[in-house]
Amino acid sequence: MGRDLAIDLGSANTLVYRQGDGIVFDEPTVVALHGGTGEVVAMGDEAWQMLGGDSGNVLAVRPLREGTMTEFDVTQRMLAVVLRRVGVTRFPKPRVLVCVPPLSTNVERRAIERAIRYAGGRQVVPVEEPLAAAVGANLPVHEPLGNLIVDIGGGRTEMAVVSMGGVVSGRSASVGGFDLDAAIQEHIRITYGVSIGEKSAEELKVAIGSAFPSPTGRAAKVIGRELATGNTVEVKVDEDEIRQAMAPAVKTIVDEARMTLAEAPPELTHDVLETGMFLTGGGSLLRGLDMLLAQECEVPVHVVERPLQTVVSGAGRMLEHLDDYRTSFQLLRRG
């Protein structure tokens, strides 16, 4: 006992909760591979430092995109490293509760289960991400009330109305934090003729990015490579142009949230109009996104505490009481 795990395997970050200990691993979902042998050289924070850089014979990759595996073998090897880091040995193998996107296919879910078993897990229990997020946000998910959770990850945004221990309805948008970063990169390239890396774009987003106009007029400088000359140059950008660059991706998230609300059963929609929408995931930290959603969807909007850890915290709580949750909760949608 006490060695079972809950894993939030996200496109941007991988988090692991160990039974009895809480969160024991929280690092970027990035793997550095040796160009010649394909062996895992580094992962997590160390590999993130190599992303987009010139590290000779080492290639840094993200093995998951939009919440699903694009590099199955790499994901397997990454998970093996993660489980070793959190102290998993050959015996006894832990049970693993893993969060999965609600609209993932059976093939995708089997791939995740197979990767975890390969990495050292024993019994794999999949649970839908929005349900884990709702539990982590301390929402009354077991009651006959509608709870609207919007989880904005790196590669996807999952939106669901949770009630009576399960996901009742929801939508999934293949837009997340990475798309905001990519929009900033494209804006800098087209407007200034300068190429900047993924990390630089994210730093700009964090520093001056917003979803709602503000009068502060903040600006930031970024260093990139001038496409015409190949020279290193510095560009100054302001928050208004960064907001406009991200606007199409932000609009997709807002539109999908509005549709999720519209498609929910009427009796649950009434609950949401009173209690509001709860934002989790790294994307929820974008300045002004809560204000924009509140304005466009006409509901109160709350950013949960520790949004980056909400899903794994909820999964951990479910792990601690797994037998109870299995009987009273619908871990995966039927059908």
C-alpha atoms as a PDB file:
ATOM      1  CA  MET A   1       0.000   0.000   0.000  1.00  0.00           C
ATOM      2  CA  GLY A   2       0.985   3.608  -0.398  1.00  0.00           C
ATOM      3  CA  ARG A   3       2.838   3.091  -3.678  1.00  0.00           C
ATOM      4  CA  ASP A   4      -0.016   3.519  -6.178  1.00  0.00           C
ATOM      5  CA  LEU A   5       0.188   6.499  -8.528  1.00  0.00           C
ATOM      6  CA  ALA A   6      -2.034   9.012 -10.319  1.00  0.00           C
ATOM      7  CA  ILE A   7      -0.610  10.528 -13.509  1.00  0.00           C
ATOM      8  CA  ASP A   8      -1.634  13.635 -15.427  1.00  0.00           C
ATOM      9  CA  LEU A   9       0.151  13.041 -18.727  1.00  0.00           C
ATOM     10  CA  GLY A  10      -0.240  16.424 -20.387  1.00  0.00           C
ATOM     11  CA  SER A  11       1.116  17.799 -23.649  1.00  0.00           C
ATOM     12  CA  ALA A  12       2.922  20.550 -21.713  1.00  0.00           C
ATOM     13  CA  ASN A  13       3.645  18.986 -18.307  1.00  0.00           C
ATOM     14  CA  THR A  14       3.619  15.571 -16.673  1.00  0.00           C
ATOM     15  CA  LEU A  15       2.598  15.386 -13.016  1.00  0.00           C
ATOM     16  CA  VAL A  16       2.615  12.356 -10.720  1.00  0.00           C
ATOM     17  CA  TYR A  17       0.789  11.963  -7.421  1.00  0.00           C
ATOM     18  CA  ARG A  18       2.000   9.138  -5.145  1.00  0.00           C
ATOM     19  CA  GLN A  19      -0.478   7.660  -2.685  1.00  0.00           C
ATOM     20  CA  GLY A  20       0.154   9.047   0.780  1.00  0.00           C
ATOM     21  CA  ASP A  21       2.834  11.504  -0.421  1.00  0.00           C
ATOM     22  CA  GLY A  22       1.022  13.937  -2.733  1.00  0.00           C
ATOM     23  CA  ILE A  23       2.601  15.361  -5.895  1.00  0.00           C
ATOM     24  CA  VAL A  24       6.105  13.930  -6.310  1.00  0.00           C
ATOM     25  CA  PHE A  25       6.848  14.854  -9.949  1.00  0.00           C
ATOM     26  CA  ASP A  26       5.998  17.989 -11.947  1.00  0.00           C
ATOM     27  CA  GLU A  27       8.123  18.671 -15.037  1.00  0.00           C
ATOM     28  CA  PRO A  28       7.680  19.548 -18.732  1.00  0.00           C
ATOM     29  CA  THR A  29       6.644  16.732 -21.086  1.00  0.00           C
ATOM     30  CA  VAL A  30       9.810  17.094 -23.132  1.00  0.00           C
ATOM     31  CA  VAL A  31      12.333  14.385 -23.979  1.00  0.00           C
ATOM     32  CA  ALA A  32      15.887  14.891 -25.273  1.00  0.00           C
ATOM     33  CA  LEU A  33      16.977  12.079 -27.587  1.00  0.00           C
ATOM     34  CA  HIS A  34      20.435  11.148 -28.851  1.00  0.00           C
ATOM     35  CA  GLY A  35      20.399  11.727 -32.607  1.00  0.00           C
ATOM     36  CA  GLY A  36      22.348   8.575 -33.372  1.00  0.00           C
ATOM     37  CA  THR A  37      20.987   5.968 -30.952  1.00  0.00           C
ATOM     38  CA  GLY A  38      17.534   7.398 -30.121  1.00  0.00           C
ATOM     39  CA  GLU A  39      18.252   6.898 -26.417  1.00  0.00           C
ATOM     40  CA  VAL A  40      16.686   9.244 -23.868  1.00  0.00           C
ATOM     41  CA  VAL A  41      19.443  11.654 -22.844  1.00  0.00           C
ATOM     42  CA  ALA A  42      17.286  13.868 -20.610  1.00  0.00           C
ATOM     43  CA  MET A  43      13.675  14.657 -19.853  1.00  0.00           C
ATOM     44  CA  GLY A  44      11.605  17.227 -18.060  1.00  0.00           C
ATOM     45  CA  ASP A  45      13.255  20.479 -16.970  1.00  0.00           C
ATOM     46  CA  GLU A  46      16.660  19.455 -18.318  1.00  0.00           C
ATOM     47  CA  ALA A  47      15.263  18.566 -21.753  1.00  0.00           C
ATOM     48  CA  TRP A  48      13.147  21.767 -21.811  1.00  0.00           C
ATOM     49  CA  GLN A  49      16.347  23.807 -21.654  1.00  0.00           C
ATOM     50  CA  MET A  50      17.409  22.112 -24.904  1.00  0.00           C
ATOM     51  CA  LEU A  51      14.111  22.717 -26.738  1.00  0.00           C
ATOM     52  CA  GLY A  52      14.630  24.778 -29.888  1.00  0.00           C
ATOM     53  CA  GLY A  53      18.356  25.033 -29.264  1.00  0.00           C
ATOM     54  CA  ASP A  54      21.333  23.708 -31.137  1.00  0.00           C
ATOM     55  CA  SER A  55      22.655  20.879 -28.980  1.00  0.00           C
ATOM     56  CA  GLY A  56      24.726  19.025 -31.563  1.00  0.00           C
ATOM     57  CA  ASN A  57      23.571  15.444 -31.723  1.00  0.00           C
ATOM     58  CA  VAL A  58      20.717  15.863 -29.241  1.00  0.00           C
ATOM     59  CA  LEU A  59      17.111  16.471 -30.317  1.00  0.00           C
ATOM     60  CA  ALA A  60      14.485  17.726 -27.836  1.00  0.00           C
ATOM     61  CA  VAL A  61      10.912  16.656 -28.675  1.00  0.00           C
ATOM     62  CA  ARG A  62       7.410  16.764 -27.205  1.00  0.00           C
ATOM     63  CA  PRO A  63       6.069  13.184 -27.459  1.00  0.00           C
ATOM     64  CA  LEU A  64       2.453  14.310 -26.937  1.00  0.00           C
ATOM     65  CA  ARG A  65       0.455  16.767 -28.985  1.00  0.00           C
ATOM     66  CA  GLU A  66      -3.148  17.741 -28.318  1.00  0.00           C
ATOM     67  CA  GLY A  67      -3.172  15.375 -25.336  1.00  0.00           C
ATOM     68  CA  THR A  68      -2.469  12.254 -27.413  1.00  0.00           C
ATOM     69  CA  MET A  69       0.684  10.335 -28.182  1.00  0.00           C
ATOM     70  CA  THR A  70       2.418  11.267 -31.411  1.00  0.00           C
ATOM     71  CA  GLU A  71       5.590   9.375 -30.473  1.00  0.00           C
ATOM     72  CA  PHE A  72       4.557   6.103 -28.831  1.00  0.00           C
ATOM     73  CA  ASP A  73       8.058   4.666 -28.282  1.00  0.00           C
ATOM     74  CA  VAL A  74       9.363   7.976 -26.934  1.00  0.00           C
ATOM     75  CA  THR A  75       6.389   8.273 -24.557  1.00  0.00           C
ATOM     76  CA  GLN A  76       7.027   4.742 -23.275  1.00  0.00           C
ATOM     77  CA  ARG A  77      10.667   5.520 -22.573  1.00  0.00           C
ATOM     78  CA  MET A  78       9.797   8.863 -20.985  1.00  0.00           C
ATOM     79  CA  LEU A  79       7.263   7.228 -18.654  1.00  0.00           C
ATOM     80  CA  ALA A  80       9.821   4.592 -17.690  1.00  0.00           C
ATOM     81  CA  VAL A  81      12.198   7.409 -16.642  1.00  0.00           C
ATOM     82  CA  VAL A  82       9.404   9.210 -14.742  1.00  0.00           C
ATOM     83  CA  LEU A  83       8.376   6.082 -12.828  1.00  0.00           C
ATOM     84  CA  ARG A  84      11.997   5.331 -11.934  1.00  0.00           C
ATOM     85  CA  ARG A  85      12.390   8.897 -10.670  1.00  0.00           C
ATOM     86  CA  VAL A  86       9.390   8.559  -8.348  1.00  0.00           C
ATOM     87  CA  GLY A  87      10.780   5.336  -6.886  1.00  0.00           C
ATOM     88  CA  VAL A  88       8.899   2.614  -8.774  1.00  0.00           C
ATOM     89  CA  THR A  89      10.786  -0.685  -8.681  1.00  0.00           C
ATOM     90  CA  ARG A  90      10.070  -3.944 -10.485  1.00  0.00           C
ATOM     91  CA  PHE A  91       8.158  -5.330  -7.486  1.00  0.00           C
ATOM     92  CA  PRO A  92       5.586  -4.520  -6.292  1.00  0.00           C
ATOM     93  CA  LYS A  93       4.313  -2.749  -9.383  1.00  0.00           C
ATOM     94  CA  PRO A  94       1.911   0.128  -8.597  1.00  0.00           C
ATOM     95  CA  ARG A  95      -1.653   0.557  -9.719  1.00  0.00           C
ATOM     96  CA  VAL A  96      -1.845   3.679 -11.872  1.00  0.00           C
ATOM     97  CA  LEU A  97      -4.834   5.994 -12.286  1.00  0.00           C
ATOM     98  CA  VAL A  98      -4.230   7.980 -15.495  1.00  0.00           C
ATOM     99  CA  CYS A  99      -6.148  10.998 -16.777  1.00  0.00           C
ATOM    100  CA  VAL A 100      -7.341  10.779 -20.385  1.00  0.00           C
ATOM    101  CA  PRO A 101      -9.031  13.308 -22.715  1.00  0.00           C
ATOM    102  CA  PRO A 102     -12.814  12.723 -22.740  1.00  0.00           C
ATOM    103  CA  LEU A 103     -13.037  12.304 -26.513  1.00  0.00           C
ATOM    104  CA  SER A 104      -9.960  10.093 -26.888  1.00  0.00           C
ATOM    105  CA  THR A 105     -10.555   6.893 -28.837  1.00  0.00           C
ATOM    106  CA  ASN A 106     -10.298   3.371 -27.451  1.00  0.00           C
ATOM    107  CA  VAL A 107      -7.124   2.953 -29.503  1.00  0.00           C
ATOM    108  CA  GLU A 108      -5.562   6.059 -27.919  1.00  0.00           C
ATOM    109  CA  ARG A 109      -6.567   4.932 -24.419  1.00  0.00           C
ATOM    110  CA  ARG A 110      -5.147   1.452 -24.980  1.00  0.00           C
ATOM    111  CA  ALA A 111      -1.907   3.038 -26.198  1.00  0.00           C
ATOM    112  CA  ILE A 112      -1.613   5.061 -22.984  1.00  0.00           C
ATOM    113  CA  GLU A 113      -2.377   1.976 -20.848  1.00  0.00           C
ATOM    114  CA  ARG A 114       0.183  -0.082 -22.770  1.00  0.00           C
ATOM    115  CA  ALA A 115       2.838   2.621 -22.354  1.00  0.00           C
ATOM    116  CA  ILE A 116       2.237   2.760 -18.577  1.00  0.00           C
ATOM    117  CA  ARG A 117       2.380  -1.021 -18.238  1.00  0.00           C
ATOM    118  CA  TYR A 118       5.614  -1.059 -20.227  1.00  0.00           C
ATOM    119  CA  ALA A 119       7.016   1.635 -17.917  1.00  0.00           C
ATOM    120  CA  GLY A 120       6.269  -0.431 -14.801  1.00  0.00           C
ATOM    121  CA  GLY A 121       2.609   0.059 -13.897  1.00  0.00           C
ATOM    122  CA  ARG A 122       0.421  -2.909 -13.006  1.00  0.00           C
ATOM    123  CA  GLN A 123      -3.292  -2.188 -13.220  1.00  0.00           C
ATOM    124  CA  VAL A 124      -4.131   0.964 -15.196  1.00  0.00           C
ATOM    125  CA  VAL A 125      -7.367   2.818 -14.398  1.00  0.00           C
ATOM    126  CA  PRO A 126      -8.308   5.595 -16.891  1.00  0.00           C
ATOM    127  CA  VAL A 127     -10.363   8.577 -15.694  1.00  0.00           C
ATOM    128  CA  GLU A 128     -11.615  11.527 -17.719  1.00  0.00           C
ATOM    129  CA  GLU A 129      -9.594  14.710 -17.176  1.00  0.00           C
ATOM    130  CA  PRO A 130     -12.547  17.065 -16.516  1.00  0.00           C
ATOM    131  CA  LEU A 131     -13.870  14.758 -13.788  1.00  0.00           C
ATOM    132  CA  ALA A 132     -10.453  14.704 -12.095  1.00  0.00           C
ATOM    133  CA  ALA A 133     -10.212  18.489 -12.510  1.00  0.00           C
ATOM    134  CA  ALA A 134     -13.641  18.983 -10.926  1.00  0.00           C
ATOM    135  CA  VAL A 135     -12.646  16.789  -7.954  1.00  0.00           C
ATOM    136  CA  GLY A 136      -9.357  18.703  -7.656  1.00  0.00           C
ATOM    137  CA  ALA A 137     -11.266  22.007  -7.701  1.00  0.00           C
ATOM    138  CA  ASN A 138     -13.411  20.803  -4.758  1.00  0.00           C
ATOM    139  CA  LEU A 139     -16.640  21.045  -6.757  1.00  0.00           C
ATOM    140  CA  PRO A 140     -19.664  19.040  -5.499  1.00  0.00           C
ATOM    141  CA  VAL A 141     -19.368  16.551  -8.371  1.00  0.00           C
ATOM    142  CA  HIS A 142     -21.346  13.784  -6.655  1.00  0.00           C
ATOM    143  CA  GLU A 143     -24.462  15.929  -6.250  1.00  0.00           C
ATOM    144  CA  PRO A 144     -27.256  16.407  -8.834  1.00  0.00           C
ATOM    145  CA  LEU A 145     -25.872  19.843  -9.715  1.00  0.00           C
ATOM    146  CA  GLY A 146     -24.207  21.042 -12.901  1.00  0.00           C
ATOM    147  CA  ASN A 147     -20.518  22.002 -12.622  1.00  0.00           C
ATOM    148  CA  LEU A 148     -18.839  23.514 -15.703  1.00  0.00           C
ATOM    149  CA  ILE A 149     -15.097  22.899 -15.820  1.00  0.00           C
ATOM    150  CA  VAL A 150     -12.827  24.332 -18.540  1.00  0.00           C
ATOM    151  CA  ASP A 151      -9.332  22.809 -18.556  1.00  0.00           C
ATOM    152  CA  ILE A 152      -6.968  24.749 -20.854  1.00  0.00           C
ATOM    153  CA  GLY A 153      -3.871  22.636 -21.414  1.00  0.00           C
ATOM    154  CA  GLY A 154      -0.878  22.981 -23.691  1.00  0.00           C
ATOM    155  CA  GLY A 155      -2.352  21.160 -26.650  1.00  0.00           C
ATOM    156  CA  ARG A 156      -6.104  21.007 -26.021  1.00  0.00           C
ATOM    157  CA  THR A 157      -8.923  22.618 -24.094  1.00  0.00           C
ATOM    158  CA  GLU A 158     -11.370  20.203 -22.477  1.00  0.00           C
ATOM    159  CA  MET A 159     -14.762  21.526 -21.391  1.00  0.00           C
ATOM    160  CA  ALA A 160     -17.338  19.487 -19.559  1.00  0.00           C
ATOM    161  CA  VAL A 161     -20.445  19.706 -17.432  1.00  0.00           C
ATOM    162  CA  VAL A 162     -19.944  17.305 -14.511  1.00  0.00           C
ATOM    163  CA  SER A 163     -22.814  16.016 -12.372  1.00  0.00           C
ATOM    164  CA  MET A 164     -23.671  12.922 -10.331  1.00  0.00           C
ATOM    165  CA  GLY A 165     -20.089  11.659 -10.445  1.00  0.00           C
ATOM    166  CA  GLY A 166     -19.551  11.760 -14.183  1.00  0.00           C
ATOM    167  CA  VAL A 167     -19.162  13.866 -17.316  1.00  0.00           C
ATOM    168  CA  VAL A 168     -22.661  14.622 -18.650  1.00  0.00           C
ATOM    169  CA  SER A 169     -21.732  16.630 -21.741  1.00  0.00           C
ATOM    170  CA  GLY A 170     -18.771  18.471 -23.082  1.00  0.00           C
ATOM    171  CA  ARG A 171     -16.647  19.634 -25.971  1.00  0.00           C
ATOM    172  CA  SER A 172     -12.991  19.434 -26.870  1.00  0.00           C
ATOM    173  CA  ALA A 173     -11.013  22.049 -28.795  1.00  0.00           C
ATOM    174  CA  SER A 174      -7.612  21.324 -30.301  1.00  0.00           C
ATOM    175  CA  VAL A 175      -6.403  24.721 -29.084  1.00  0.00           C
ATOM    176  CA  GLY A 176      -4.265  25.387 -26.034  1.00  0.00           C
ATOM    177  CA  GLY A 177      -1.246  27.225 -24.711  1.00  0.00           C
ATOM    178  CA  PHE A 178       1.019  25.984 -27.523  1.00  0.00           C
ATOM    179  CA  ASP A 179      -1.284  27.623 -30.086  1.00  0.00           C
ATOM    180  CA  LEU A 180      -1.009  30.942 -28.271  1.00  0.00           C
ATOM    181  CA  ASP A 181       2.785  30.620 -28.372  1.00  0.00           C
ATOM    182  CA  ALA A 182       2.708  29.702 -32.074  1.00  0.00           C
ATOM    183  CA  ALA A 183       0.500  32.725 -32.832  1.00  0.00           C
ATOM    184  CA  ILE A 184       3.070  34.993 -31.161  1.00  0.00           C
ATOM    185  CA  GLN A 185       5.899  33.380 -33.151  1.00  0.00           C
ATOM    186  CA  GLU A 186       4.007  33.891 -36.411  1.00  0.00           C
ATOM    187  CA  HIS A 187       3.209  37.520 -35.562  1.00  0.00           C
ATOM    188  CA  ILE A 188       6.869  38.319 -34.878  1.00  0.00           C
ATOM    189  CA  ARG A 189       7.947  36.539 -38.069  1.00  0.00           C
ATOM    190  CA  ILE A 190       5.408  38.275 -40.330  1.00  0.00           C
ATOM    191  CA  THR A 191       5.515  41.739 -38.737  1.00  0.00           C
ATOM    192  CA  TYR A 192       9.227  42.067 -38.036  1.00  0.00           C
ATOM    193  CA  GLY A 193      10.806  39.396 -40.255  1.00  0.00           C
ATOM    194  CA  VAL A 194      12.323  37.807 -37.154  1.00  0.00           C
ATOM    195  CA  SER A 195      12.218  34.184 -36.015  1.00  0.00           C
ATOM    196  CA  ILE A 196      11.895  33.478 -32.289  1.00  0.00           C
ATOM    197  CA  GLY A 197      11.788  30.149 -30.468  1.00  0.00           C
ATOM    198  CA  GLU A 198       8.943  28.452 -28.627  1.00  0.00           C
ATOM    199  CA  LYS A 199      10.419  29.349 -25.236  1.00  0.00           C
ATOM    200  CA  SER A 200      10.786  33.038 -26.153  1.00  0.00           C
ATOM    201  CA  ALA A 201       7.187  33.156 -27.354  1.00  0.00           C
ATOM    202  CA  GLU A 202       5.977  31.630 -24.095  1.00  0.00           C
ATOM    203  CA  GLU A 203       8.018  34.151 -22.095  1.00  0.00           C
ATOM    204  CA  LEU A 204       6.368  36.992 -24.039  1.00  0.00           C
ATOM    205  CA  LYS A 205       2.932  35.490 -23.381  1.00  0.00           C
ATOM    206  CA  VAL A 206       3.611  35.296 -19.648  1.00  0.00           C
ATOM    207  CA  ALA A 207       5.160  38.771 -19.484  1.00  0.00           C
ATOM    208  CA  ILE A 208       2.661  40.862 -21.481  1.00  0.00           C
ATOM    209  CA  GLY A 209       0.056  38.465 -22.927  1.00  0.00           C
ATOM    210  CA  SER A 210      -3.623  39.096 -22.242  1.00  0.00           C
ATOM    211  CA  ALA A 211      -7.060  38.177 -23.554  1.00  0.00           C
ATOM    212  CA  PHE A 212      -8.799  41.393 -22.539  1.00  0.00           C
ATOM    213  CA  PRO A 213      -7.776  44.987 -23.408  1.00  0.00           C
ATOM    214  CA  SER A 214      -6.081  46.852 -20.585  1.00  0.00           C
ATOM    215  CA  PRO A 215      -4.782  50.425 -20.329  1.00  0.00           C
ATOM    216  CA  THR A 216      -1.394  49.500 -18.863  1.00  0.00           C
ATOM    217  CA  GLY A 217       0.473  49.657 -22.193  1.00  0.00           C
ATOM    218  CA  ARG A 218       3.142  47.198 -21.143  1.00  0.00           C
ATOM    219  CA  ALA A 219       5.880  46.236 -23.581  1.00  0.00           C
ATOM    220  CA  ALA A 220       8.687  43.692 -23.699  1.00  0.00           C
ATOM    221  CA  LYS A 221      11.804  42.969 -25.718  1.00  0.00           C
ATOM    222  CA  VAL A 222      12.612  39.672 -27.372  1.00  0.00           C
ATOM    223  CA  ILE A 223      15.754  38.443 -29.100  1.00  0.00           C
ATOM    224  CA  GLY A 224      15.446  36.500 -32.345  1.00  0.00           C
ATOM    225  CA  ARG A 225      17.067  35.788 -35.687  1.00  0.00           C
ATOM    226  CA  GLU A 226      16.443  38.160 -38.571  1.00  0.00           C
ATOM    227  CA  LEU A 227      15.270  36.049 -41.498  1.00  0.00           C
ATOM    228  CA  ALA A 228      16.807  38.283 -44.176  1.00  0.00           C
ATOM    229  CA  THR A 229      20.332  38.409 -42.725  1.00  0.00           C
ATOM    230  CA  GLY A 230      20.556  35.641 -40.147  1.00  0.00           C
ATOM    231  CA  ASN A 231      21.719  38.213 -37.609  1.00  0.00           C
ATOM    232  CA  THR A 232      20.594  38.223 -33.973  1.00  0.00           C
ATOM    233  CA  VAL A 233      18.305  41.202 -33.361  1.00  0.00           C
ATOM    234  CA  GLU A 234      16.166  42.614 -30.570  1.00  0.00           C
ATOM    235  CA  VAL A 235      12.496  43.449 -31.139  1.00  0.00           C
ATOM    236  CA  LYS A 236      10.241  45.490 -28.869  1.00  0.00           C
ATOM    237  CA  VAL A 237       6.548  44.503 -28.811  1.00  0.00           C
ATOM    238  CA  ASP A 238       3.586  45.807 -26.809  1.00  0.00           C
ATOM    239  CA  GLU A 239       0.755  43.959 -25.095  1.00  0.00           C
ATOM    240  CA  ASP A 240      -1.875  45.144 -27.571  1.00  0.00           C
ATOM    241  CA  GLU A 241      -0.219  43.517 -30.576  1.00  0.00           C
ATOM    242  CA  ILE A 242       0.409  40.284 -28.635  1.00  0.00           C
ATOM    243  CA  ARG A 243      -3.257  40.219 -27.567  1.00  0.00           C
ATOM    244  CA  GLN A 244      -4.372  40.692 -31.178  1.00  0.00           C
ATOM    245  CA  ALA A 245      -1.993  37.968 -32.382  1.00  0.00           C
ATOM    246  CA  MET A 246      -3.491  35.482 -29.910  1.00  0.00           C
ATOM    247  CA  ALA A 247      -7.092  36.627 -30.458  1.00  0.00           C
ATOM    248  CA  PRO A 248      -8.143  33.951 -33.028  1.00  0.00           C
ATOM    249  CA  ALA A 249      -6.981  31.090 -30.758  1.00  0.00           C
ATOM    250  CA  VAL A 250      -8.567  32.721 -27.703  1.00  0.00           C
ATOM    251  CA  LYS A 251     -11.817  33.187 -29.651  1.00  0.00           C
ATOM    252  CA  THR A 252     -11.913  29.437 -30.387  1.00  0.00           C
ATOM    253  CA  ILE A 253     -11.721  28.665 -26.662  1.00  0.00           C
ATOM    254  CA  VAL A 254     -14.453  31.207 -25.869  1.00  0.00           C
ATOM    255  CA  ASP A 255     -16.733  29.937 -28.652  1.00  0.00           C
ATOM    256  CA  GLU A 256     -16.349  26.310 -27.524  1.00  0.00           C
ATOM    257  CA  ALA A 257     -17.078  27.266 -23.903  1.00  0.00           C
ATOM    258  CA  ARG A 258     -20.233  29.046 -25.016  1.00  0.00           C
ATOM    259  CA  MET A 259     -21.307  25.985 -27.045  1.00  0.00           C
ATOM    260  CA  THR A 260     -20.636  23.682 -24.085  1.00  0.00           C
ATOM    261  CA  LEU A 261     -22.969  25.791 -21.993  1.00  0.00           C
ATOM    262  CA  ALA A 262     -25.606  25.856 -24.752  1.00  0.00           C
ATOM    263  CA  GLU A 263     -25.541  22.067 -25.197  1.00  0.00           C
ATOM    264  CA  ALA A 264     -25.795  21.166 -21.512  1.00  0.00           C
ATOM    265  CA  PRO A 265     -29.110  19.795 -20.190  1.00  0.00           C
ATOM    266  CA  PRO A 266     -31.319  22.786 -19.261  1.00  0.00           C
ATOM    267  CA  GLU A 267     -31.644  21.838 -15.582  1.00  0.00           C
ATOM    268  CA  LEU A 268     -27.834  21.756 -15.264  1.00  0.00           C
ATOM    269  CA  THR A 269     -27.378  24.987 -17.261  1.00  0.00           C
ATOM    270  CA  HIS A 270     -29.461  26.747 -14.603  1.00  0.00           C
ATOM    271  CA  ASP A 271     -26.937  25.585 -11.950  1.00  0.00           C
ATOM    272  CA  VAL A 272     -23.987  26.832 -14.017  1.00  0.00           C
ATOM    273  CA  LEU A 273     -25.589  30.261 -14.497  1.00  0.00           C
ATOM    274  CA  GLU A 274     -25.551  30.571 -10.702  1.00  0.00           C
ATOM    275  CA  THR A 275     -22.299  28.844  -9.729  1.00  0.00           C
ATOM    276  CA  GLY A 276     -20.317  29.782 -12.824  1.00  0.00           C
ATOM    277  CA  MET A 277     -17.480  28.338 -14.857  1.00  0.00           C
ATOM    278  CA  PHE A 278     -14.258  27.030 -13.283  1.00  0.00           C
ATOM    279  CA  LEU A 279     -10.964  27.418 -15.167  1.00  0.00           C
ATOM    280  CA  THR A 280      -8.022  25.051 -14.725  1.00  0.00           C
ATOM    281  CA  GLY A 281      -4.825  24.317 -16.645  1.00  0.00           C
ATOM    282  CA  GLY A 282      -1.916  26.571 -17.529  1.00  0.00           C
ATOM    283  CA  GLY A 283      -3.919  28.474 -20.139  1.00  0.00           C
ATOM    284  CA  SER A 284      -6.287  29.747 -17.449  1.00  0.00           C
ATOM    285  CA  LEU A 285      -3.448  31.952 -16.190  1.00  0.00           C
ATOM    286  CA  LEU A 286      -3.628  34.169 -19.293  1.00  0.00           C
ATOM    287  CA  ARG A 287      -4.481  37.660 -18.036  1.00  0.00           C
ATOM    288  CA  GLY A 288      -8.049  38.742 -18.643  1.00  0.00           C
ATOM    289  CA  LEU A 289      -9.261  35.388 -19.970  1.00  0.00           C
ATOM    290  CA  ASP A 290     -11.660  35.030 -17.038  1.00  0.00           C
ATOM    291  CA  MET A 291     -13.070  38.513 -17.758  1.00  0.00           C
ATOM    292  CA  LEU A 292     -13.513  37.743 -21.461  1.00  0.00           C
ATOM    293  CA  LEU A 293     -15.258  34.423 -20.764  1.00  0.00           C
ATOM    294  CA  ALA A 294     -17.527  36.060 -18.184  1.00  0.00           C
ATOM    295  CA  GLN A 295     -18.491  38.746 -20.685  1.00  0.00           C
ATOM    296  CA  GLU A 296     -19.036  36.414 -23.644  1.00  0.00           C
ATOM    297  CA  CYS A 297     -20.709  33.502 -21.814  1.00  0.00           C
ATOM    298  CA  GLU A 298     -22.633  35.641 -19.304  1.00  0.00           C
ATOM    299  CA  VAL A 299     -21.709  33.486 -16.304  1.00  0.00           C
ATOM    300  CA  PRO A 300     -19.426  34.062 -13.312  1.00  0.00           C
ATOM    301  CA  VAL A 301     -15.904  32.740 -14.020  1.00  0.00           C
ATOM    302  CA  HIS A 302     -13.488  31.470 -11.375  1.00  0.00           C
ATOM    303  CA  VAL A 303      -9.825  30.532 -11.821  1.00  0.00           C
ATOM    304  CA  VAL A 304      -9.158  27.681  -9.393  1.00  0.00           C
ATOM    305  CA  GLU A 305      -6.277  27.675  -6.928  1.00  0.00           C
ATOM    306  CA  ARG A 306      -3.108  26.060  -8.339  1.00  0.00           C
ATOM    307  CA  PRO A 307      -4.623  25.512 -11.820  1.00  0.00           C
ATOM    308  CA  LEU A 308      -1.555  23.626 -13.074  1.00  0.00           C
ATOM    309  CA  GLN A 309      -2.004  20.961 -10.382  1.00  0.00           C
ATOM    310  CA  THR A 310      -5.811  20.685 -10.262  1.00  0.00           C
ATOM    311  CA  VAL A 311      -6.139  17.616 -12.485  1.00  0.00           C
ATOM    312  CA  VAL A 312      -3.453  15.535 -10.755  1.00  0.00           C
ATOM    313  CA  SER A 313      -4.668  16.643  -7.302  1.00  0.00           C
ATOM    314  CA  GLY A 314      -8.171  15.445  -8.163  1.00  0.00           C
ATOM    315  CA  ALA A 315      -6.823  12.208  -9.615  1.00  0.00           C
ATOM    316  CA  GLY A 316      -4.807  11.729  -6.434  1.00  0.00           C
ATOM    317  CA  ARG A 317      -7.872  12.187  -4.274  1.00  0.00           C
ATOM    318  CA  MET A 318      -9.703   9.619  -6.410  1.00  0.00           C
ATOM    319  CA  LEU A 319      -6.725   7.277  -6.069  1.00  0.00           C
ATOM    320  CA  GLU A 320      -6.830   7.540  -2.271  1.00  0.00           C
ATOM    321  CA  HIS A 321     -10.480   6.409  -2.348  1.00  0.00           C
ATOM    322  CA  LEU A 322     -10.461   4.413  -5.584  1.00  0.00           C
ATOM    323  CA  ASP A 323     -12.845   1.667  -4.476  1.00  0.00           C
ATOM    324  CA  ASP A 324     -15.415   4.278  -3.364  1.00  0.00           C
ATOM    325  CA  TYR A 325     -15.028   6.235  -6.598  1.00  0.00           C
ATOM    326  CA  ARG A 326     -15.412   3.117  -8.700  1.00  0.00           C
ATOM    327  CA  THR A 327     -18.798   2.375  -7.173  1.00  0.00           C
ATOM    328  CA  SER A 328     -20.217   5.902  -6.989  1.00  0.00           C
ATOM    329  CA  PHE A 329     -18.467   7.610  -9.915  1.00  0.00           C
ATOM    330  CA  GLN A 330     -18.543   7.138 -13.636  1.00  0.00           C
ATOM    331  CA  LEU A 331     -14.811   7.235 -14.389  1.00  0.00           C
ATOM    332  CA  LEU A 332     -15.410   7.101 -18.145  1.00  0.00           C
ATOM    333  CA  ARG A 333     -18.471   8.113 -20.100  1.00  0.00           C
ATOM    334  CA  ARG A 334     -20.596   5.225 -21.231  1.00  0.00           C
ATOM    335  CA  GLY A 335     -21.227   4.652 -24.901  1.00  0.00           C
END
